[in-house]
């Protein structure tokens, strides 16, 4: 996020997604904290589509996601993917 690299971080469970987002936001300057968002089951379809749109439209630079994101999403504009934990 510091270098404006579009990133998806995959995690196994939603609690880890929330924890990673919280920690990353702590490390970022205040003006960049909202460039990172969690993506997980439990959100409505509309909320998930909004996060996807923000990521692919450049409003978000990073998403920390469970497997909810990997199904049918074109990640052609993503610069980096990371996996936290064993997939």
N, C-alpha and C. Protein backbone atom coordinates (compact mmCIF):
# COMPACT_ATOMS: atom_id res chain seq x y z
N UNK A 1 0.83 -1.19 0.00
CA UNK A 1 0.00 0.00 0.00
C UNK A 1 0.88 1.25 0.00
N UNK A 2 2.00 1.18 0.70
CA UNK A 2 2.92 2.32 0.70
C UNK A 2 3.38 2.66 -0.71
N UNK A 3 3.55 1.63 -1.55
CA UNK A 3 4.08 1.83 -2.89
C UNK A 3 3.00 1.76 -3.96
N UNK A 4 1.73 1.82 -3.53
CA UNK A 4 0.58 1.80 -4.44
C UNK A 4 0.53 0.54 -5.28
N UNK A 5 0.89 -0.57 -4.68
CA UNK A 5 0.83 -1.88 -5.33
C UNK A 5 -0.52 -2.51 -4.98
N UNK A 6 -1.30 -2.88 -5.98
CA UNK A 6 -2.62 -3.46 -5.75
C UNK A 6 -2.45 -4.91 -5.30
N UNK A 7 -3.00 -5.24 -4.13
CA UNK A 7 -2.70 -6.50 -3.45
C UNK A 7 -3.96 -7.20 -2.96
N UNK A 8 -3.95 -8.52 -3.06
CA UNK A 8 -4.94 -9.35 -2.37
C UNK A 8 -4.19 -10.29 -1.44
N UNK A 9 -4.61 -10.31 -0.19
CA UNK A 9 -4.06 -11.22 0.81
C UNK A 9 -5.15 -12.24 1.11
N UNK A 10 -4.85 -13.51 0.87
CA UNK A 10 -5.81 -14.56 1.16
C UNK A 10 -5.53 -15.17 2.53
N UNK A 11 -6.59 -15.32 3.32
CA UNK A 11 -6.52 -15.94 4.63
C UNK A 11 -7.59 -17.03 4.71
N UNK A 12 -7.50 -17.87 5.71
CA UNK A 12 -8.44 -19.00 5.80
C UNK A 12 -9.78 -18.63 6.43
N UNK A 13 -9.76 -17.76 7.42
CA UNK A 13 -11.01 -17.48 8.15
C UNK A 13 -11.23 -15.98 8.31
N UNK A 14 -12.48 -15.62 8.49
CA UNK A 14 -12.84 -14.20 8.54
C UNK A 14 -12.21 -13.44 9.71
N UNK A 15 -12.02 -14.10 10.85
CA UNK A 15 -11.41 -13.40 11.98
C UNK A 15 -9.97 -12.98 11.65
N UNK A 16 -9.27 -13.83 10.93
CA UNK A 16 -7.90 -13.49 10.52
C UNK A 16 -7.94 -12.33 9.52
N UNK A 17 -8.91 -12.33 8.63
CA UNK A 17 -9.04 -11.21 7.67
C UNK A 17 -9.20 -9.89 8.42
N UNK A 18 -10.06 -9.89 9.41
CA UNK A 18 -10.29 -8.66 10.18
C UNK A 18 -9.04 -8.25 10.97
N UNK A 19 -8.35 -9.23 11.56
CA UNK A 19 -7.13 -8.93 12.31
C UNK A 19 -6.02 -8.38 11.42
N UNK A 20 -5.84 -8.97 10.25
CA UNK A 20 -4.80 -8.49 9.33
C UNK A 20 -5.12 -7.07 8.88
N UNK A 21 -6.36 -6.80 8.53
CA UNK A 21 -6.74 -5.44 8.12
C UNK A 21 -6.48 -4.45 9.24
N UNK A 22 -6.86 -4.81 10.46
CA UNK A 22 -6.65 -3.91 11.60
C UNK A 22 -5.17 -3.61 11.79
N UNK A 23 -4.34 -4.63 11.70
CA UNK A 23 -2.90 -4.43 11.90
C UNK A 23 -2.28 -3.60 10.78
N UNK A 24 -2.65 -3.89 9.55
CA UNK A 24 -2.13 -3.12 8.42
C UNK A 24 -2.54 -1.66 8.56
N UNK A 25 -3.78 -1.42 8.92
CA UNK A 25 -4.24 -0.03 9.09
C UNK A 25 -3.46 0.68 10.18
N UNK A 26 -3.10 -0.03 11.25
CA UNK A 26 -2.28 0.58 12.31
C UNK A 26 -0.93 1.03 11.78
N UNK A 27 -0.38 0.27 10.85
CA UNK A 27 0.95 0.56 10.33
C UNK A 27 0.97 1.65 9.26
N UNK A 28 -0.18 1.95 8.70
CA UNK A 28 -0.26 2.93 7.62
C UNK A 28 -0.49 4.34 8.15
N UNK A 29 -0.06 5.35 7.40
CA UNK A 29 -0.41 6.71 7.78
C UNK A 29 -1.93 6.90 7.68
N UNK A 30 -2.49 7.80 8.45
CA UNK A 30 -3.95 7.98 8.49
C UNK A 30 -4.60 8.17 7.12
N UNK A 31 -3.93 8.83 6.21
CA UNK A 31 -4.55 9.09 4.90
C UNK A 31 -4.60 7.86 4.00
N UNK A 32 -3.99 6.75 4.41
CA UNK A 32 -4.00 5.53 3.59
C UNK A 32 -4.73 4.36 4.25
N UNK A 33 -5.23 4.56 5.43
CA UNK A 33 -5.83 3.45 6.18
C UNK A 33 -7.09 2.89 5.52
N UNK A 34 -7.84 3.72 4.84
CA UNK A 34 -9.07 3.24 4.21
C UNK A 34 -8.83 2.65 2.82
N UNK A 35 -7.57 2.52 2.43
CA UNK A 35 -7.23 1.88 1.16
C UNK A 35 -7.14 0.37 1.29
N UNK A 36 -7.38 -0.14 2.50
CA UNK A 36 -7.32 -1.57 2.80
C UNK A 36 -8.66 -1.99 3.38
N UNK A 37 -9.20 -3.11 2.88
CA UNK A 37 -10.51 -3.56 3.37
C UNK A 37 -10.55 -5.08 3.46
N UNK A 38 -11.36 -5.59 4.38
CA UNK A 38 -11.57 -7.04 4.43
C UNK A 38 -12.64 -7.44 3.41
N UNK A 39 -12.59 -8.70 2.99
CA UNK A 39 -13.58 -9.26 2.09
C UNK A 39 -13.81 -10.68 2.56
N UNK A 40 -15.03 -10.97 2.97
CA UNK A 40 -15.29 -12.28 3.57
C UNK A 40 -16.76 -12.63 3.47
N UNK A 41 -17.05 -13.88 3.76
CA UNK A 41 -18.44 -14.30 3.88
C UNK A 41 -19.07 -13.51 5.03
N UNK A 42 -20.35 -13.35 4.98
CA UNK A 42 -21.03 -12.59 6.01
C UNK A 42 -21.43 -11.21 5.53
N UNK A 43 -20.79 -10.74 4.48
CA UNK A 43 -21.21 -9.49 3.85
C UNK A 43 -22.32 -9.80 2.86
N UNK A 44 -23.17 -8.83 2.61
CA UNK A 44 -24.20 -9.02 1.60
C UNK A 44 -23.54 -9.04 0.22
N UNK A 45 -24.25 -9.56 -0.75
CA UNK A 45 -23.73 -9.57 -2.12
C UNK A 45 -23.44 -8.14 -2.57
N UNK A 46 -24.27 -7.20 -2.20
CA UNK A 46 -24.05 -5.79 -2.58
C UNK A 46 -22.77 -5.25 -1.94
N UNK A 47 -22.52 -5.57 -0.68
CA UNK A 47 -21.29 -5.13 -0.02
C UNK A 47 -20.06 -5.73 -0.70
N UNK A 48 -20.13 -7.01 -1.04
CA UNK A 48 -19.00 -7.65 -1.71
C UNK A 48 -18.75 -7.05 -3.08
N UNK A 49 -19.81 -6.81 -3.86
CA UNK A 49 -19.64 -6.19 -5.18
C UNK A 49 -19.04 -4.78 -5.06
N UNK A 50 -19.42 -4.06 -4.02
CA UNK A 50 -18.88 -2.72 -3.80
C UNK A 50 -17.37 -2.78 -3.52
N UNK A 51 -16.95 -3.73 -2.68
CA UNK A 51 -15.52 -3.89 -2.38
C UNK A 51 -14.77 -4.28 -3.65
N UNK A 52 -15.32 -5.21 -4.42
CA UNK A 52 -14.68 -5.61 -5.68
C UNK A 52 -14.54 -4.41 -6.62
N UNK A 53 -15.60 -3.65 -6.75
CA UNK A 53 -15.58 -2.47 -7.62
C UNK A 53 -14.53 -1.46 -7.16
N UNK A 54 -14.44 -1.25 -5.86
CA UNK A 54 -13.45 -0.32 -5.32
C UNK A 54 -12.03 -0.82 -5.56
N UNK A 55 -11.81 -2.12 -5.43
CA UNK A 55 -10.49 -2.68 -5.67
C UNK A 55 -10.10 -2.56 -7.14
N UNK A 56 -10.97 -2.99 -8.02
CA UNK A 56 -10.64 -2.99 -9.44
C UNK A 56 -10.72 -1.59 -10.04
N UNK A 57 -11.40 -0.67 -9.37
CA UNK A 57 -11.49 0.71 -9.82
C UNK A 57 -10.40 1.62 -9.25
N UNK A 58 -9.58 1.09 -8.35
CA UNK A 58 -8.48 1.86 -7.80
C UNK A 58 -8.76 2.60 -6.51
N UNK A 59 -9.97 2.49 -5.96
CA UNK A 59 -10.29 3.15 -4.69
C UNK A 59 -9.67 2.42 -3.50
N UNK A 60 -9.47 1.11 -3.68
CA UNK A 60 -8.78 0.30 -2.67
C UNK A 60 -7.48 -0.19 -3.26
N UNK A 61 -6.46 -0.28 -2.44
CA UNK A 61 -5.19 -0.84 -2.91
C UNK A 61 -4.97 -2.25 -2.40
N UNK A 62 -5.67 -2.64 -1.35
CA UNK A 62 -5.48 -3.98 -0.81
C UNK A 62 -6.78 -4.51 -0.24
N UNK A 63 -6.97 -5.80 -0.42
CA UNK A 63 -8.10 -6.51 0.17
C UNK A 63 -7.53 -7.74 0.86
N UNK A 64 -7.99 -7.98 2.08
CA UNK A 64 -7.64 -9.19 2.81
C UNK A 64 -8.89 -10.06 2.78
N UNK A 65 -8.77 -11.20 2.09
CA UNK A 65 -9.96 -11.97 1.75
C UNK A 65 -9.89 -13.43 2.17
N UNK A 66 -11.05 -13.96 2.48
CA UNK A 66 -11.19 -15.40 2.61
C UNK A 66 -11.45 -15.96 1.22
N UNK A 67 -11.76 -17.24 1.13
CA UNK A 67 -12.03 -17.86 -0.16
C UNK A 67 -13.27 -17.28 -0.83
N UNK A 68 -14.03 -16.46 -0.14
CA UNK A 68 -15.20 -15.82 -0.74
C UNK A 68 -14.83 -15.01 -1.97
N UNK A 69 -13.62 -14.48 -2.04
CA UNK A 69 -13.22 -13.64 -3.18
C UNK A 69 -12.75 -14.45 -4.37
N UNK A 70 -12.15 -15.58 -4.16
CA UNK A 70 -11.49 -16.26 -5.26
C UNK A 70 -12.43 -16.90 -6.27
N UNK A 71 -13.69 -16.95 -6.00
CA UNK A 71 -14.63 -17.61 -6.89
C UNK A 71 -15.12 -16.66 -7.98
N UNK A 72 -14.61 -16.82 -9.18
CA UNK A 72 -15.11 -16.09 -10.33
C UNK A 72 -14.69 -14.64 -10.43
N UNK A 73 -13.61 -14.26 -9.80
CA UNK A 73 -13.16 -12.87 -9.85
C UNK A 73 -11.94 -12.77 -10.77
N UNK A 74 -12.00 -11.85 -11.71
CA UNK A 74 -10.86 -11.61 -12.61
C UNK A 74 -9.86 -10.75 -11.86
N UNK A 75 -8.67 -11.29 -11.63
CA UNK A 75 -7.66 -10.58 -10.85
C UNK A 75 -6.54 -10.06 -11.74
N UNK A 76 -6.84 -9.77 -12.99
CA UNK A 76 -5.83 -9.31 -13.93
C UNK A 76 -5.15 -8.02 -13.54
N UNK A 77 -5.81 -7.18 -12.78
CA UNK A 77 -5.22 -5.89 -12.41
C UNK A 77 -4.46 -5.96 -11.08
N UNK A 78 -4.34 -7.15 -10.49
CA UNK A 78 -3.67 -7.30 -9.20
C UNK A 78 -2.17 -7.46 -9.41
N UNK A 79 -1.40 -6.74 -8.62
CA UNK A 79 0.07 -6.80 -8.72
C UNK A 79 0.66 -7.91 -7.86
N UNK A 80 0.07 -8.14 -6.67
CA UNK A 80 0.62 -9.09 -5.72
C UNK A 80 -0.51 -9.86 -5.06
N UNK A 81 -0.31 -11.17 -4.87
CA UNK A 81 -1.19 -11.94 -4.01
C UNK A 81 -0.33 -12.59 -2.93
N UNK A 82 -0.85 -12.60 -1.73
CA UNK A 82 -0.17 -13.22 -0.59
C UNK A 82 -1.12 -14.23 0.04
N UNK A 83 -0.55 -15.27 0.61
CA UNK A 83 -1.34 -16.26 1.33
C UNK A 83 -0.81 -16.31 2.76
N UNK A 84 -1.71 -16.07 3.70
CA UNK A 84 -1.35 -16.11 5.12
C UNK A 84 -1.88 -17.42 5.68
N UNK A 85 -0.99 -18.24 6.18
CA UNK A 85 -1.39 -19.54 6.69
C UNK A 85 -1.41 -20.56 5.57
N UNK A 86 -1.78 -21.76 5.89
CA UNK A 86 -1.81 -22.84 4.91
C UNK A 86 -3.14 -22.77 4.18
N UNK A 87 -3.10 -22.73 2.83
CA UNK A 87 -4.37 -22.65 2.08
C UNK A 87 -5.21 -23.90 2.18
